[in-house]
Amino acid sequence: MIYLDLKDRRPLYEQIKEKMKLLMIKGVLKSDEKIPSVRELAQSLTINPNTIQKAYRDLEKEGFIYSVRGKGSFVAPLENVINPVRQDELTEELKKIIAELMYMNTSKEQLIDYINEIYKKEVR
């Protein structure tokens, strides 16, 4: 399910967050589906449970998962994944990427085509 790249310079918890988000975005993990417990995931990845706990805490803050006391953590329904601060951060990243693509002579039409292509692939 999740594979970590030990050569990657990013902290392990960030890799876990990114991979979990990707599984949710791609629909592998569905709304209200239970995700592995901290202990289960730590054992399967052979890493410290505190690392998993930090990733889960961040995912919960960002609205991607929610916890039920005594039951575990679950994938939040997509309509609940609204985090204006994170949206602003991602928008700023996107602006930088678009600026770089413009510098590389990518036309507005090409950018729009890329966006349309992504939306077509991600429609569930």
PDB file of N, CA and C in Angstrom:
ATOM      1  N   MET A   1       0.831  -1.196   0.000  1.00  0.00           N
ATOM      2  CA  MET A   1       0.000   0.000   0.000  1.00  0.00           C
ATOM      3  C   MET A   1       0.872   1.255   0.000  1.00  0.00           C
ATOM      4  N   ILE A   2       1.746   1.391   0.987  1.00  0.00           N
ATOM      5  CA  ILE A   2       2.632   2.549   1.058  1.00  0.00           C
ATOM      6  C   ILE A   2       4.066   2.053   1.076  1.00  0.00           C
ATOM      7  N   TYR A   3       4.868   2.628   0.198  1.00  0.00           N
ATOM      8  CA  TYR A   3       6.286   2.313   0.156  1.00  0.00           C
ATOM      9  C   TYR A   3       7.059   3.604   0.360  1.00  0.00           C
ATOM     10  N   LEU A   4       8.034   3.571   1.240  1.00  0.00           N
ATOM     11  CA  LEU A   4       8.822   4.759   1.530  1.00  0.00           C
ATOM     12  C   LEU A   4      10.165   4.685   0.820  1.00  0.00           C
ATOM     13  N   ASP A   5      10.621   5.835   0.362  1.00  0.00           N
ATOM     14  CA  ASP A   5      11.921   5.933  -0.294  1.00  0.00           C
ATOM     15  C   ASP A   5      12.922   6.443   0.735  1.00  0.00           C
ATOM     16  N   LEU A   6      13.748   5.565   1.237  1.00  0.00           N
ATOM     17  CA  LEU A   6      14.690   5.940   2.279  1.00  0.00           C
ATOM     18  C   LEU A   6      15.796   6.865   1.756  1.00  0.00           C
ATOM     19  N   LYS A   7      15.920   6.976   0.438  1.00  0.00           N
ATOM     20  CA  LYS A   7      16.910   7.884  -0.151  1.00  0.00           C
ATOM     21  C   LYS A   7      16.326   9.298  -0.319  1.00  0.00           C
ATOM     22  N   ASP A   8      15.019   9.411  -0.205  1.00  0.00           N
ATOM     23  CA  ASP A   8      14.344  10.697  -0.318  1.00  0.00           C
ATOM     24  C   ASP A   8      14.769  11.585   0.851  1.00  0.00           C
ATOM     25  N   ARG A   9      15.026  12.843   0.581  1.00  0.00           N
ATOM     26  CA  ARG A   9      15.486  13.757   1.628  1.00  0.00           C
ATOM     27  C   ARG A   9      14.355  14.239   2.525  1.00  0.00           C
ATOM     28  N   ARG A  10      13.124  14.081   2.063  1.00  0.00           N
ATOM     29  CA  ARG A  10      11.990  14.536   2.872  1.00  0.00           C
ATOM     30  C   ARG A  10      11.798  13.629   4.086  1.00  0.00           C
ATOM     31  N   PRO A  11      11.304  14.196   5.185  1.00  0.00           N
ATOM     32  CA  PRO A  11      11.035  13.361   6.361  1.00  0.00           C
ATOM     33  C   PRO A  11      10.026  12.261   6.030  1.00  0.00           C
ATOM     34  N   LEU A  12      10.130  11.157   6.739  1.00  0.00           N
ATOM     35  CA  LEU A  12       9.242  10.017   6.487  1.00  0.00           C
ATOM     36  C   LEU A  12       7.772  10.385   6.665  1.00  0.00           C
ATOM     37  N   TYR A  13       7.461  11.199   7.682  1.00  0.00           N
ATOM     38  CA  TYR A  13       6.055  11.544   7.895  1.00  0.00           C
ATOM     39  C   TYR A  13       5.478  12.310   6.708  1.00  0.00           C
ATOM     40  N   GLU A  14       6.297  13.135   6.048  1.00  0.00           N
ATOM     41  CA  GLU A  14       5.817  13.858   4.863  1.00  0.00           C
ATOM     42  C   GLU A  14       5.570  12.891   3.709  1.00  0.00           C
ATOM     43  N   GLN A  15       6.446  11.905   3.548  1.00  0.00           N
ATOM     44  CA  GLN A  15       6.239  10.895   2.509  1.00  0.00           C
ATOM     45  C   GLN A  15       4.944  10.131   2.764  1.00  0.00           C
ATOM     46  N   ILE A  16       4.701   9.778   4.022  1.00  0.00           N
ATOM     47  CA  ILE A  16       3.488   9.035   4.376  1.00  0.00           C
ATOM     48  C   ILE A  16       2.264   9.880   4.071  1.00  0.00           C
ATOM     49  N   LYS A  17       2.296  11.159   4.484  1.00  0.00           N
ATOM     50  CA  LYS A  17       1.177  12.073   4.201  1.00  0.00           C
ATOM     51  C   LYS A  17       0.890  12.148   2.704  1.00  0.00           C
ATOM     52  N   GLU A  18       1.953  12.346   1.927  1.00  0.00           N
ATOM     53  CA  GLU A  18       1.799  12.489   0.484  1.00  0.00           C
ATOM     54  C   GLU A  18       1.193  11.218  -0.140  1.00  0.00           C
ATOM     55  N   LYS A  19       1.692  10.075   0.287  1.00  0.00           N
ATOM     56  CA  LYS A  19       1.214   8.809  -0.290  1.00  0.00           C
ATOM     57  C   LYS A  19      -0.230   8.527   0.127  1.00  0.00           C
ATOM     58  N   MET A  20      -0.576   8.848   1.367  1.00  0.00           N
ATOM     59  CA  MET A  20      -1.956   8.658   1.825  1.00  0.00           C
ATOM     60  C   MET A  20      -2.900   9.579   1.043  1.00  0.00           C
ATOM     61  N   LYS A  21      -2.498  10.834   0.876  1.00  0.00           N
ATOM     62  CA  LYS A  21      -3.323  11.775   0.109  1.00  0.00           C
ATOM     63  C   LYS A  21      -3.529  11.269  -1.310  1.00  0.00           C
ATOM     64  N   LEU A  22      -2.456  10.786  -1.919  1.00  0.00           N
ATOM     65  CA  LEU A  22      -2.538  10.283  -3.284  1.00  0.00           C
ATOM     66  C   LEU A  22      -3.509   9.110  -3.376  1.00  0.00           C
ATOM     67  N   LEU A  23      -3.463   8.214  -2.399  1.00  0.00           N
ATOM     68  CA  LEU A  23      -4.401   7.080  -2.381  1.00  0.00           C
ATOM     69  C   LEU A  23      -5.845   7.561  -2.255  1.00  0.00           C
ATOM     70  N   MET A  24      -6.063   8.613  -1.493  1.00  0.00           N
ATOM     71  CA  MET A  24      -7.412   9.168  -1.336  1.00  0.00           C
ATOM     72  C   MET A  24      -7.862   9.873  -2.610  1.00  0.00           C
ATOM     73  N   ILE A  25      -6.969  10.683  -3.169  1.00  0.00           N
ATOM     74  CA  ILE A  25      -7.301  11.447  -4.374  1.00  0.00           C
ATOM     75  C   ILE A  25      -7.610  10.512  -5.536  1.00  0.00           C
ATOM     76  N   LYS A  26      -6.847   9.443  -5.665  1.00  0.00           N
ATOM     77  CA  LYS A  26      -7.050   8.494  -6.763  1.00  0.00           C
ATOM     78  C   LYS A  26      -8.220   7.546  -6.511  1.00  0.00           C
ATOM     79  N   GLY A  27      -8.804   7.606  -5.310  1.00  0.00           N
ATOM     80  CA  GLY A  27      -9.964   6.769  -5.017  1.00  0.00           C
ATOM     81  C   GLY A  27      -9.641   5.373  -4.536  1.00  0.00           C
ATOM     82  N   VAL A  28      -8.362   5.089  -4.281  1.00  0.00           N
ATOM     83  CA  VAL A  28      -7.981   3.780  -3.742  1.00  0.00           C
ATOM     84  C   VAL A  28      -8.541   3.655  -2.328  1.00  0.00           C
ATOM     85  N   LEU A  29      -8.407   4.742  -1.550  1.00  0.00           N
ATOM     86  CA  LEU A  29      -9.036   4.812  -0.238  1.00  0.00           C
ATOM     87  C   LEU A  29     -10.305   5.649  -0.394  1.00  0.00           C
ATOM     88  N   LYS A  30     -11.423   5.079  -0.065  1.00  0.00           N
ATOM     89  CA  LYS A  30     -12.724   5.718  -0.280  1.00  0.00           C
ATOM     90  C   LYS A  30     -13.209   6.442   0.977  1.00  0.00           C
ATOM     91  N   SER A  31     -14.152   7.351   0.787  1.00  0.00           N
ATOM     92  CA  SER A  31     -14.744   8.086   1.901  1.00  0.00           C
ATOM     93  C   SER A  31     -15.243   7.136   2.975  1.00  0.00           C
ATOM     94  N   ASP A  32     -14.966   7.491   4.217  1.00  0.00           N
ATOM     95  CA  ASP A  32     -15.382   6.745   5.410  1.00  0.00           C
ATOM     96  C   ASP A  32     -14.742   5.369   5.537  1.00  0.00           C
ATOM     97  N   GLU A  33     -13.749   5.072   4.699  1.00  0.00           N
ATOM     98  CA  GLU A  33     -13.030   3.798   4.811  1.00  0.00           C
ATOM     99  C   GLU A  33     -12.006   3.900   5.942  1.00  0.00           C
ATOM    100  N   LYS A  34     -11.892   2.850   6.711  1.00  0.00           N
ATOM    101  CA  LYS A  34     -10.934   2.809   7.824  1.00  0.00           C
ATOM    102  C   LYS A  34      -9.527   2.673   7.246  1.00  0.00           C
ATOM    103  N   ILE A  35      -8.619   3.456   7.790  1.00  0.00           N
ATOM    104  CA  ILE A  35      -7.218   3.352   7.376  1.00  0.00           C
ATOM    105  C   ILE A  35      -6.467   2.558   8.443  1.00  0.00           C
ATOM    106  N   PRO A  36      -5.294   2.032   8.105  1.00  0.00           N
ATOM    107  CA  PRO A  36      -4.547   1.234   9.090  1.00  0.00           C
ATOM    108  C   PRO A  36      -4.273   2.038  10.361  1.00  0.00           C
ATOM    109  N   SER A  37      -4.290   1.358  11.482  1.00  0.00           N
ATOM    110  CA  SER A  37      -3.979   2.028  12.746  1.00  0.00           C
ATOM    111  C   SER A  37      -2.518   2.447  12.728  1.00  0.00           C
ATOM    112  N   VAL A  38      -2.182   3.343  13.643  1.00  0.00           N
ATOM    113  CA  VAL A  38      -0.803   3.802  13.766  1.00  0.00           C
ATOM    114  C   VAL A  38       0.118   2.604  13.983  1.00  0.00           C
ATOM    115  N   ARG A  39      -0.275   1.732  14.878  1.00  0.00           N
ATOM    116  CA  ARG A  39       0.555   0.565  15.204  1.00  0.00           C
ATOM    117  C   ARG A  39       0.704  -0.365  13.994  1.00  0.00           C
ATOM    118  N   GLU A  40      -0.397  -0.635  13.287  1.00  0.00           N
ATOM    119  CA  GLU A  40      -0.347  -1.532  12.117  1.00  0.00           C
ATOM    120  C   GLU A  40       0.582  -0.977  11.039  1.00  0.00           C
ATOM    121  N   LEU A  41       0.416   0.313  10.734  1.00  0.00           N
ATOM    122  CA  LEU A  41       1.228   0.910   9.680  1.00  0.00           C
ATOM    123  C   LEU A  41       2.697   0.997  10.095  1.00  0.00           C
ATOM    124  N   ALA A  42       2.936   1.310  11.362  1.00  0.00           N
ATOM    125  CA  ALA A  42       4.320   1.374  11.850  1.00  0.00           C
ATOM    126  C   ALA A  42       4.991   0.011  11.739  1.00  0.00           C
ATOM    127  N   GLN A  43       4.253  -1.045  12.061  1.00  0.00           N
ATOM    128  CA  GLN A  43       4.816  -2.395  11.950  1.00  0.00           C
ATOM    129  C   GLN A  43       5.070  -2.776  10.495  1.00  0.00           C
ATOM    130  N   SER A  44       4.129  -2.464   9.614  1.00  0.00           N
ATOM    131  CA  SER A  44       4.306  -2.862   8.217  1.00  0.00           C
ATOM    132  C   SER A  44       5.431  -2.082   7.535  1.00  0.00           C
ATOM    133  N   LEU A  45       5.642  -0.824   7.965  1.00  0.00           N
ATOM    134  CA  LEU A  45       6.716  -0.012   7.376  1.00  0.00           C
ATOM    135  C   LEU A  45       8.011  -0.098   8.188  1.00  0.00           C
ATOM    136  N   THR A  46       7.940  -0.769   9.311  1.00  0.00           N
ATOM    137  CA  THR A  46       9.056  -0.891  10.264  1.00  0.00           C
ATOM    138  C   THR A  46       9.676   0.468  10.597  1.00  0.00           C
ATOM    139  N   ILE A  47       8.795   1.383  11.016  1.00  0.00           N
ATOM    140  CA  ILE A  47       9.258   2.691  11.482  1.00  0.00           C
ATOM    141  C   ILE A  47       8.571   3.021  12.804  1.00  0.00           C
ATOM    142  N   ASN A  48       9.035   4.061  13.447  1.00  0.00           N
ATOM    143  CA  ASN A  48       8.527   4.475  14.742  1.00  0.00           C
ATOM    144  C   ASN A  48       7.053   4.907  14.639  1.00  0.00           C
ATOM    145  N   PRO A  49       6.198   4.438  15.547  1.00  0.00           N
ATOM    146  CA  PRO A  49       4.787   4.835  15.526  1.00  0.00           C
ATOM    147  C   PRO A  49       4.584   6.347  15.641  1.00  0.00           C
ATOM    148  N   ASN A  50       5.517   7.049  16.297  1.00  0.00           N
ATOM    149  CA  ASN A  50       5.385   8.501  16.417  1.00  0.00           C
ATOM    150  C   ASN A  50       5.432   9.184  15.049  1.00  0.00           C
ATOM    151  N   THR A  51       6.159   8.589  14.119  1.00  0.00           N
ATOM    152  CA  THR A  51       6.236   9.123  12.749  1.00  0.00           C
ATOM    153  C   THR A  51       4.876   9.015  12.072  1.00  0.00           C
ATOM    154  N   ILE A  52       4.227   7.875  12.231  1.00  0.00           N
ATOM    155  CA  ILE A  52       2.888   7.674  11.658  1.00  0.00           C
ATOM    156  C   ILE A  52       1.900   8.614  12.333  1.00  0.00           C
ATOM    157  N   GLN A  53       2.005   8.732  13.659  1.00  0.00           N
ATOM    158  CA  GLN A  53       1.106   9.593  14.417  1.00  0.00           C
ATOM    159  C   GLN A  53       1.189  11.037  13.918  1.00  0.00           C
ATOM    160  N   LYS A  54       2.399  11.518  13.646  1.00  0.00           N
ATOM    161  CA  LYS A  54       2.569  12.885  13.134  1.00  0.00           C
ATOM    162  C   LYS A  54       1.917  13.042  11.763  1.00  0.00           C
ATOM    163  N   ALA A  55       2.101  12.061  10.897  1.00  0.00           N
ATOM    164  CA  ALA A  55       1.477  12.119   9.567  1.00  0.00           C
ATOM    165  C   ALA A  55      -0.042  12.126   9.698  1.00  0.00           C
ATOM    166  N   TYR A  56      -0.584  11.252  10.541  1.00  0.00           N
ATOM    167  CA  TYR A  56      -2.033  11.181  10.732  1.00  0.00           C
ATOM    168  C   TYR A  56      -2.575  12.479  11.339  1.00  0.00           C
ATOM    169  N   ARG A  57      -1.840  13.052  12.284  1.00  0.00           N
ATOM    170  CA  ARG A  57      -2.267  14.295  12.917  1.00  0.00           C
ATOM    171  C   ARG A  57      -2.356  15.406  11.865  1.00  0.00           C
ATOM    172  N   ASP A  58      -1.342  15.488  10.992  1.00  0.00           N
ATOM    173  CA  ASP A  58      -1.354  16.494   9.920  1.00  0.00           C
ATOM    174  C   ASP A  58      -2.492  16.239   8.939  1.00  0.00           C
ATOM    175  N   LEU A  59      -2.704  14.975   8.567  1.00  0.00           N
ATOM    176  CA  LEU A  59      -3.805  14.647   7.652  1.00  0.00           C
ATOM    177  C   LEU A  59      -5.150  15.025   8.259  1.00  0.00           C
ATOM    178  N   GLU A  60      -5.281  14.843   9.557  1.00  0.00           N
ATOM    179  CA  GLU A  60      -6.538  15.206  10.223  1.00  0.00           C
ATOM    180  C   GLU A  60      -6.702  16.726  10.247  1.00  0.00           C
ATOM    181  N   LYS A  61      -5.619  17.444  10.528  1.00  0.00           N
ATOM    182  CA  LYS A  61      -5.660  18.914  10.526  1.00  0.00           C
ATOM    183  C   LYS A  61      -6.065  19.454   9.158  1.00  0.00           C
ATOM    184  N   GLU A  62      -5.574  18.788   8.117  1.00  0.00           N
ATOM    185  CA  GLU A  62      -5.863  19.225   6.750  1.00  0.00           C
ATOM    186  C   GLU A  62      -7.228  18.744   6.268  1.00  0.00           C
ATOM    187  N   GLY A  63      -7.904  17.927   7.062  1.00  0.00           N
ATOM    188  CA  GLY A  63      -9.257  17.499   6.719  1.00  0.00           C
ATOM    189  C   GLY A  63      -9.340  16.250   5.860  1.00  0.00           C
ATOM    190  N   PHE A  64      -8.238  15.541   5.682  1.00  0.00           N
ATOM    191  CA  PHE A  64      -8.249  14.342   4.846  1.00  0.00           C
ATOM    192  C   PHE A  64      -8.735  13.103   5.596  1.00  0.00           C
ATOM    193  N   ILE A  65      -8.534  13.088   6.912  1.00  0.00           N
ATOM    194  CA  ILE A  65      -9.010  11.958   7.705  1.00  0.00           C
ATOM    195  C   ILE A  65      -9.708  12.488   8.955  1.00  0.00           C
ATOM    196  N   TYR A  66     -10.462  11.618   9.596  1.00  0.00           N
ATOM    197  CA  TYR A  66     -11.062  11.952  10.884  1.00  0.00           C
ATOM    198  C   TYR A  66     -10.934  10.739  11.789  1.00  0.00           C
ATOM    199  N   SER A  67     -10.946  10.994  13.081  1.00  0.00           N
ATOM    200  CA  SER A  67     -10.783   9.915  14.061  1.00  0.00           C
ATOM    201  C   SER A  67     -12.077   9.702  14.823  1.00  0.00           C
ATOM    202  N   VAL A  68     -12.331   8.445  15.149  1.00  0.00           N
ATOM    203  CA  VAL A  68     -13.450   8.082  16.003  1.00  0.00           C
ATOM    204  C   VAL A  68     -12.843   7.365  17.204  1.00  0.00           C
ATOM    205  N   ARG A  69     -13.069   7.927  18.378  1.00  0.00           N
ATOM    206  CA  ARG A  69     -12.470   7.363  19.590  1.00  0.00           C
ATOM    207  C   ARG A  69     -12.842   5.888  19.736  1.00  0.00           C
ATOM    208  N   GLY A  70     -11.836   5.063  19.896  1.00  0.00           N
ATOM    209  CA  GLY A  70     -12.038   3.634  20.087  1.00  0.00           C
ATOM    210  C   GLY A  70     -12.259   2.853  18.799  1.00  0.00           C
ATOM    211  N   LYS A  71     -12.400   3.547  17.669  1.00  0.00           N
ATOM    212  CA  LYS A  71     -12.653   2.873  16.386  1.00  0.00           C
ATOM    213  C   LYS A  71     -11.492   3.013  15.416  1.00  0.00           C
ATOM    214  N   GLY A  72     -10.786   4.146  15.461  1.00  0.00           N
ATOM    215  CA  GLY A  72      -9.670   4.351  14.551  1.00  0.00           C
ATOM    216  C   GLY A  72      -9.822   5.596  13.703  1.00  0.00           C
ATOM    217  N   SER A  73      -9.061   5.660  12.636  1.00  0.00           N
ATOM    218  CA  SER A  73      -9.077   6.798  11.716  1.00  0.00           C
ATOM    219  C   SER A  73      -9.699   6.375  10.392  1.00  0.00           C
ATOM    220  N   PHE A  74     -10.405   7.319   9.774  1.00  0.00           N
ATOM    221  CA  PHE A  74     -11.158   7.051   8.561  1.00  0.00           C
ATOM    222  C   PHE A  74     -10.917   8.160   7.544  1.00  0.00           C
ATOM    223  N   VAL A  75     -11.111   7.836   6.269  1.00  0.00           N
ATOM    224  CA  VAL A  75     -10.982   8.808   5.187  1.00  0.00           C
ATOM    225  C   VAL A  75     -12.180   9.753   5.247  1.00  0.00           C
ATOM    226  N   ALA A  76     -11.897  11.039   5.256  1.00  0.00           N
ATOM    227  CA  ALA A  76     -12.965  12.043   5.292  1.00  0.00           C
ATOM    228  C   ALA A  76     -13.636  12.119   3.927  1.00  0.00           C
ATOM    229  N   PRO A  77     -14.961  12.294   3.909  1.00  0.00           N
ATOM    230  CA  PRO A  77     -15.643  12.502   2.625  1.00  0.00           C
ATOM    231  C   PRO A  77     -15.061  13.730   1.923  1.00  0.00           C
ATOM    232  N   LEU A  78     -14.963  13.664   0.602  1.00  0.00           N
ATOM    233  CA  LEU A  78     -14.330  14.742  -0.167  1.00  0.00           C
ATOM    234  C   LEU A  78     -14.931  16.113   0.111  1.00  0.00           C
ATOM    235  N   GLU A  79     -16.238  16.177   0.315  1.00  0.00           N
ATOM    236  CA  GLU A  79     -16.856  17.476   0.556  1.00  0.00           C
ATOM    237  C   GLU A  79     -16.395  18.093   1.874  1.00  0.00           C
ATOM    238  N   ASN A  80     -15.802  17.287   2.754  1.00  0.00           N
ATOM    239  CA  ASN A  80     -15.289  17.794   4.031  1.00  0.00           C
ATOM    240  C   ASN A  80     -13.844  18.258   3.936  1.00  0.00           C
ATOM    241  N   VAL A  81     -13.183  17.988   2.818  1.00  0.00           N
ATOM    242  CA  VAL A  81     -11.774  18.357   2.669  1.00  0.00           C
ATOM    243  C   VAL A  81     -11.695  19.798   2.176  1.00  0.00           C
ATOM    244  N   ILE A  82     -11.991  20.709   3.100  1.00  0.00           N
ATOM    245  CA  ILE A  82     -11.934  22.136   2.788  1.00  0.00           C
ATOM    246  C   ILE A  82     -11.014  22.768   3.810  1.00  0.00           C
ATOM    247  N   ASN A  83      -9.859  23.201   3.320  1.00  0.00           N
ATOM    248  CA  ASN A  83      -8.870  23.817   4.188  1.00  0.00           C
ATOM    249  C   ASN A  83      -8.355  25.053   3.465  1.00  0.00           C
ATOM    250  N   PRO A  84      -8.932  26.215   3.781  1.00  0.00           N
ATOM    251  CA  PRO A  84      -8.548  27.427   3.051  1.00  0.00           C
ATOM    252  C   PRO A  84      -7.059  27.752   3.135  1.00  0.00           C
ATOM    253  N   VAL A  85      -6.441  27.478   4.266  1.00  0.00           N
ATOM    254  CA  VAL A  85      -5.009  27.767   4.400  1.00  0.00           C
ATOM    255  C   VAL A  85      -4.216  26.896   3.434  1.00  0.00           C
ATOM    256  N   ARG A  86      -4.537  25.594   3.387  1.00  0.00           N
ATOM    257  CA  ARG A  86      -3.827  24.678   2.475  1.00  0.00           C
ATOM    258  C   ARG A  86      -4.126  25.049   1.024  1.00  0.00           C
ATOM    259  N   GLN A  87      -5.368  25.449   0.736  1.00  0.00           N
ATOM    260  CA  GLN A  87      -5.709  25.866  -0.624  1.00  0.00           C
ATOM    261  C   GLN A  87      -4.866  27.068  -1.039  1.00  0.00           C
ATOM    262  N   ASP A  88      -4.670  28.006  -0.110  1.00  0.00           N
ATOM    263  CA  ASP A  88      -3.827  29.173  -0.409  1.00  0.00           C
ATOM    264  C   ASP A  88      -2.387  28.758  -0.668  1.00  0.00           C
ATOM    265  N   GLU A  89      -1.872  27.827   0.142  1.00  0.00           N
ATOM    266  CA  GLU A  89      -0.497  27.342  -0.046  1.00  0.00           C
ATOM    267  C   GLU A  89      -0.349  26.694  -1.420  1.00  0.00           C
ATOM    268  N   LEU A  90      -1.312  25.840  -1.768  1.00  0.00           N
ATOM    269  CA  LEU A  90      -1.246  25.156  -3.061  1.00  0.00           C
ATOM    270  C   LEU A  90      -1.395  26.132  -4.220  1.00  0.00           C
ATOM    271  N   THR A  91      -2.230  27.149  -4.049  1.00  0.00           N
ATOM    272  CA  THR A  91      -2.396  28.162  -5.089  1.00  0.00           C
ATOM    273  C   THR A  91      -1.090  28.909  -5.322  1.00  0.00           C
ATOM    274  N   GLU A  92      -0.370  29.225  -4.230  1.00  0.00           N
ATOM    275  CA  GLU A  92       0.917  29.894  -4.367  1.00  0.00           C
ATOM    276  C   GLU A  92       1.925  29.002  -5.094  1.00  0.00           C
ATOM    277  N   GLU A  93       1.936  27.705  -4.762  1.00  0.00           N
ATOM    278  CA  GLU A  93       2.815  26.761  -5.462  1.00  0.00           C
ATOM    279  C   GLU A  93       2.464  26.713  -6.945  1.00  0.00           C
ATOM    280  N   LEU A  94       1.168  26.668  -7.240  1.00  0.00           N
ATOM    281  CA  LEU A  94       0.710  26.612  -8.628  1.00  0.00           C
ATOM    282  C   LEU A  94       1.130  27.867  -9.395  1.00  0.00           C
ATOM    283  N   LYS A  95       1.039  29.020  -8.755  1.00  0.00           N
ATOM    284  CA  LYS A  95       1.462  30.272  -9.406  1.00  0.00           C
ATOM    285  C   LYS A  95       2.936  30.210  -9.790  1.00  0.00           C
ATOM    286  N   LYS A  96       3.758  29.668  -8.883  1.00  0.00           N
ATOM    287  CA  LYS A  96       5.191  29.548  -9.167  1.00  0.00           C
ATOM    288  C   LYS A  96       5.436  28.599 -10.339  1.00  0.00           C
ATOM    289  N   ILE A  97       4.707  27.495 -10.343  1.00  0.00           N
ATOM    290  CA  ILE A  97       4.865  26.513 -11.421  1.00  0.00           C
ATOM    291  C   ILE A  97       4.423  27.117 -12.752  1.00  0.00           C
ATOM    292  N   ILE A  98       3.293  27.816 -12.746  1.00  0.00           N
ATOM    293  CA  ILE A  98       2.807  28.442 -13.980  1.00  0.00           C
ATOM    294  C   ILE A  98       3.797  29.491 -14.467  1.00  0.00           C
ATOM    295  N   ALA A  99       4.341  30.283 -13.548  1.00  0.00           N
ATOM    296  CA  ALA A  99       5.327  31.299 -13.932  1.00  0.00           C
ATOM    297  C   ALA A  99       6.542  30.655 -14.593  1.00  0.00           C
ATOM    298  N   GLU A 100       6.993  29.542 -14.040  1.00  0.00           N
ATOM    299  CA  GLU A 100       8.151  28.846 -14.617  1.00  0.00           C
ATOM    300  C   GLU A 100       7.803  28.277 -15.989  1.00  0.00           C
ATOM    301  N   LEU A 101       6.608  27.706 -16.121  1.00  0.00           N
ATOM    302  CA  LEU A 101       6.193  27.178 -17.426  1.00  0.00           C
ATOM    303  C   LEU A 101       6.065  28.305 -18.458  1.00  0.00           C
ATOM    304  N   MET A 102       5.578  29.457 -18.021  1.00  0.00           N
ATOM    305  CA  MET A 102       5.479  30.604 -18.939  1.00  0.00           C
ATOM    306  C   MET A 102       6.873  31.036 -19.384  1.00  0.00           C
ATOM    307  N   TYR A 103       7.819  31.029 -18.461  1.00  0.00           N
ATOM    308  CA  TYR A 103       9.196  31.380 -18.775  1.00  0.00           C
ATOM    309  C   TYR A 103       9.764  30.414 -19.809  1.00  0.00           C
ATOM    310  N   MET A 104       9.280  29.164 -19.766  1.00  0.00           N
ATOM    311  CA  MET A 104       9.735  28.146 -20.704  1.00  0.00           C
ATOM    312  C   MET A 104       8.877  28.131 -21.976  1.00  0.00           C
ATOM    313  N   ASN A 105       8.174  29.231 -22.221  1.00  0.00           N
ATOM    314  CA  ASN A 105       7.360  29.432 -23.425  1.00  0.00           C
ATOM    315  C   ASN A 105       6.189  28.466 -23.560  1.00  0.00           C
ATOM    316  N   THR A 106       5.613  28.058 -22.441  1.00  0.00           N
ATOM    317  CA  THR A 106       4.405  27.241 -22.488  1.00  0.00           C
ATOM    318  C   THR A 106       3.227  28.195 -22.656  1.00  0.00           C
ATOM    319  N   SER A 107       2.406  27.929 -23.655  1.00  0.00           N
ATOM    320  CA  SER A 107       1.292  28.842 -23.923  1.00  0.00           C
ATOM    321  C   SER A 107       0.153  28.635 -22.931  1.00  0.00           C
ATOM    322  N   LYS A 108      -0.682  29.643 -22.831  1.00  0.00           N
ATOM    323  CA  LYS A 108      -1.861  29.578 -21.967  1.00  0.00           C
ATOM    324  C   LYS A 108      -2.756  28.413 -22.400  1.00  0.00           C
ATOM    325  N   GLU A 109      -2.874  28.223 -23.702  1.00  0.00           N
ATOM    326  CA  GLU A 109      -3.701  27.133 -24.232  1.00  0.00           C
ATOM    327  C   GLU A 109      -3.167  25.769 -23.796  1.00  0.00           C
ATOM    328  N   GLN A 110      -1.834  25.615 -23.816  1.00  0.00           N
ATOM    329  CA  GLN A 110      -1.233  24.351 -23.369  1.00  0.00           C
ATOM    330  C   GLN A 110      -1.538  24.113 -21.896  1.00  0.00           C
ATOM    331  N   LEU A 111      -1.423  25.163 -21.089  1.00  0.00           N
ATOM    332  CA  LEU A 111      -1.716  25.031 -19.655  1.00  0.00           C
ATOM    333  C   LEU A 111      -3.173  24.620 -19.443  1.00  0.00           C
ATOM    334  N   ILE A 112      -4.063  25.245 -20.182  1.00  0.00           N
ATOM    335  CA  ILE A 112      -5.487  24.909 -20.068  1.00  0.00           C
ATOM    336  C   ILE A 112      -5.724  23.466 -20.514  1.00  0.00           C
ATOM    337  N   ASP A 113      -5.041  23.050 -21.583  1.00  0.00           N
ATOM    338  CA  ASP A 113      -5.155  21.656 -22.032  1.00  0.00           C
ATOM    339  C   ASP A 113      -4.686  20.688 -20.952  1.00  0.00           C
ATOM    340  N   TYR A 114      -3.576  21.033 -20.280  1.00  0.00           N
ATOM    341  CA  TYR A 114      -3.071  20.180 -19.196  1.00  0.00           C
ATOM    342  C   TYR A 114      -4.111  20.064 -18.083  1.00  0.00           C
ATOM    343  N   ILE A 115      -4.678  21.191 -17.710  1.00  0.00           N
ATOM    344  CA  ILE A 115      -5.688  21.189 -16.641  1.00  0.00           C
ATOM    345  C   ILE A 115      -6.900  20.358 -17.053  1.00  0.00           C
ATOM    346  N   ASN A 116      -7.369  20.544 -18.271  1.00  0.00           N
ATOM    347  CA  ASN A 116      -8.523  19.766 -18.751  1.00  0.00           C
ATOM    348  C   ASN A 116      -8.214  18.271 -18.773  1.00  0.00           C
ATOM    349  N   GLU A 117      -7.005  17.930 -19.178  1.00  0.00           N
ATOM    350  CA  GLU A 117      -6.578  16.525 -19.212  1.00  0.00           C
ATOM    351  C   GLU A 117      -6.590  15.915 -17.804  1.00  0.00           C
ATOM    352  N   ILE A 118      -6.085  16.678 -16.843  1.00  0.00           N
ATOM    353  CA  ILE A 118      -6.073  16.190 -15.446  1.00  0.00           C
ATOM    354  C   ILE A 118      -7.484  16.001 -14.935  1.00  0.00           C
ATOM    355  N   TYR A 119      -8.355  16.955 -15.210  1.00  0.00           N
ATOM    356  CA  TYR A 119      -9.747  16.826 -14.745  1.00  0.00           C
ATOM    357  C   TYR A 119     -10.455  15.648 -15.372  1.00  0.00           C
ATOM    358  N   LYS A 120     -10.169  15.357 -16.636  1.00  0.00           N
ATOM    359  CA  LYS A 120     -10.780  14.198 -17.287  1.00  0.00           C
ATOM    360  C   LYS A 120     -10.344  12.892 -16.626  1.00  0.00           C
ATOM    361  N   LYS A 121      -9.058  12.793 -16.288  1.00  0.00           N
ATOM    362  CA  LYS A 121      -8.521  11.573 -15.660  1.00  0.00           C
ATOM    363  C   LYS A 121      -9.052  11.388 -14.247  1.00  0.00           C
ATOM    364  N   GLU A 122      -9.275  12.483 -13.533  1.00  0.00           N
ATOM    365  CA  GLU A 122      -9.645  12.394 -12.129  1.00  0.00           C
ATOM    366  C   GLU A 122     -11.140  12.285 -11.899  1.00  0.00           C
ATOM    367  N   VAL A 123     -11.936  12.387 -12.950  1.00  0.00           N
ATOM    368  CA  VAL A 123     -13.391  12.235 -12.781  1.00  0.00           C
ATOM    369  C   VAL A 123     -13.688  10.810 -12.396  1.00  0.00           C
ATOM    370  N   ARG A 124     -14.448  10.651 -11.335  1.00  0.00           N
ATOM    371  CA  ARG A 124     -14.760   9.315 -10.823  1.00  0.00           C
ATOM    372  C   ARG A 124     -16.116   8.878 -11.284  1.00  0.00           C
TER     373      ARG A 124
END
